[in-house]
Protein backbone atom coordinates (compact mmCIF):
# COMPACT_ATOMS: atom_id res chain seq x y z
CA MET A 1 103.97 111.05 119.44
CA THR A 2 103.83 107.57 120.88
CA LEU A 3 104.28 104.36 118.95
CA ALA A 4 100.62 103.44 119.52
CA GLU A 5 99.56 106.66 117.81
CA ALA A 6 102.07 106.47 114.97
CA ILE A 7 101.34 102.94 113.78
CA PRO A 8 97.72 103.54 112.61
CA LEU A 9 98.86 106.76 110.95
CA ALA A 10 101.69 104.97 109.14
CA THR A 11 99.36 102.13 108.09
CA THR A 12 96.86 104.60 106.65
CA ALA A 13 99.56 106.61 104.90
CA SER A 14 101.10 103.43 103.44
CA LEU A 15 97.68 102.30 102.23
CA GLY A 16 97.15 105.65 100.53
CA LEU A 17 100.61 105.59 98.98
CA GLY A 18 99.95 102.08 97.68
CA ALA A 19 96.67 103.25 96.14
CA LEU A 20 98.49 106.11 94.43
CA ALA A 21 101.14 103.72 93.12
CA LYS A 22 98.41 101.37 91.88
CA SER A 23 96.76 104.19 89.95
CA TRP A 24 100.06 105.11 88.29
CA PRO A 25 100.26 102.89 85.17
CA LYS A 26 104.07 102.87 84.94
CA PHE A 27 104.64 101.64 88.50
CA PRO A 28 104.93 97.81 88.65
CA ASN A 29 102.31 96.23 90.91
CA ALA A 30 104.88 93.77 92.25
CA TYR A 31 106.71 96.60 94.03
CA ILE A 32 103.71 98.09 95.85
CA PRO A 33 104.13 95.97 99.03
CA THR A 34 107.80 96.94 99.16
CA LEU A 35 106.92 100.60 98.71
CA ALA A 36 104.34 100.41 101.52
CA ALA A 37 106.77 98.64 103.86
CA VAL A 38 109.58 101.14 103.24
CA ALA A 39 107.18 104.07 103.65
CA GLY A 40 106.06 102.70 107.02
CA ALA A 41 109.65 101.99 108.05
CA LEU A 42 110.50 105.63 107.37
CA LEU A 43 107.34 107.27 108.69
CA VAL A 44 107.09 105.71 112.15
CA PRO A 45 110.68 106.52 113.14
CA ALA A 46 110.26 110.03 111.75
CA LEU A 47 107.32 110.51 114.13
CA CYS A 48 108.61 108.64 117.18
CA GLY A 49 112.40 108.68 117.04
CA TRP A 50 114.98 106.59 115.28
CA HIS A 51 115.14 103.32 117.24
CA ALA A 52 115.24 99.79 115.89
CA LEU A 53 111.82 98.98 117.38
CA ASN A 54 110.26 101.95 115.59
CA VAL A 55 111.81 100.98 112.24
CA VAL A 56 110.59 97.39 112.53
CA SER A 57 107.16 98.52 113.75
CA GLY A 58 106.88 100.87 110.78
CA PHE A 59 107.91 98.10 108.40
CA VAL A 60 105.21 95.83 109.81
CA ALA A 61 102.66 98.67 109.68
CA GLY A 62 103.44 99.16 105.97
CA LEU A 63 103.00 95.46 105.28
CA GLY A 64 99.80 95.59 107.33
CA ALA A 65 98.48 98.13 104.83
CA THR A 66 99.08 95.58 102.08
CA GLY A 67 97.24 92.95 104.12
CA ILE A 68 94.30 95.27 104.71
CA HIS A 69 94.07 95.96 100.98
CA GLN A 70 94.14 92.27 100.11
CA GLY A 71 91.53 91.47 102.79
CA VAL A 72 89.12 94.11 101.51
CA LYS A 73 89.74 93.03 97.92
CA GLY A 74 89.10 89.38 98.81
CA ALA A 75 85.93 90.24 100.73
CA ALA A 76 84.62 92.29 97.80
CA ASP A 77 85.36 89.46 95.39
CA ASP A 78 83.60 87.01 97.71
CA VAL A 79 80.51 89.23 97.87
CA LYS A 80 80.48 89.48 94.07
CA ARG A 81 80.79 85.70 93.79
CA ARG A 82 78.04 84.99 96.32
CA THR A 83 75.59 87.48 94.84
CA GLY A 84 76.29 86.43 91.27
CA ASN A 85 77.41 89.93 90.32
CA THR A 86 80.54 89.11 88.35
CA GLU A 87 80.18 92.06 86.00
CA ILE A 88 83.44 93.96 85.55
CA THR A 89 83.15 97.73 85.44
CA LYS A 90 85.66 99.72 83.45
CA LYS A 91 87.10 102.94 84.81
């Protein structure tokens, strides 16, 4: 597998792992970005070979998953604010 194929896969997997960690009540939210970064740093080299570039690329892909989550969360909050729908739904 090439690096260009592994990075989107690692980003998606890190995003999913972060969502699982978020749903687990005992896992501290402050450690979710670190978990996503380490997962990416392990997944990309496992798919492409253990080279420094692959480890760093995986680390950045994991942090990219955190950025994607925050971007979507911010956009959803902005839509709620603009439409006046500030009602909080409980799970």
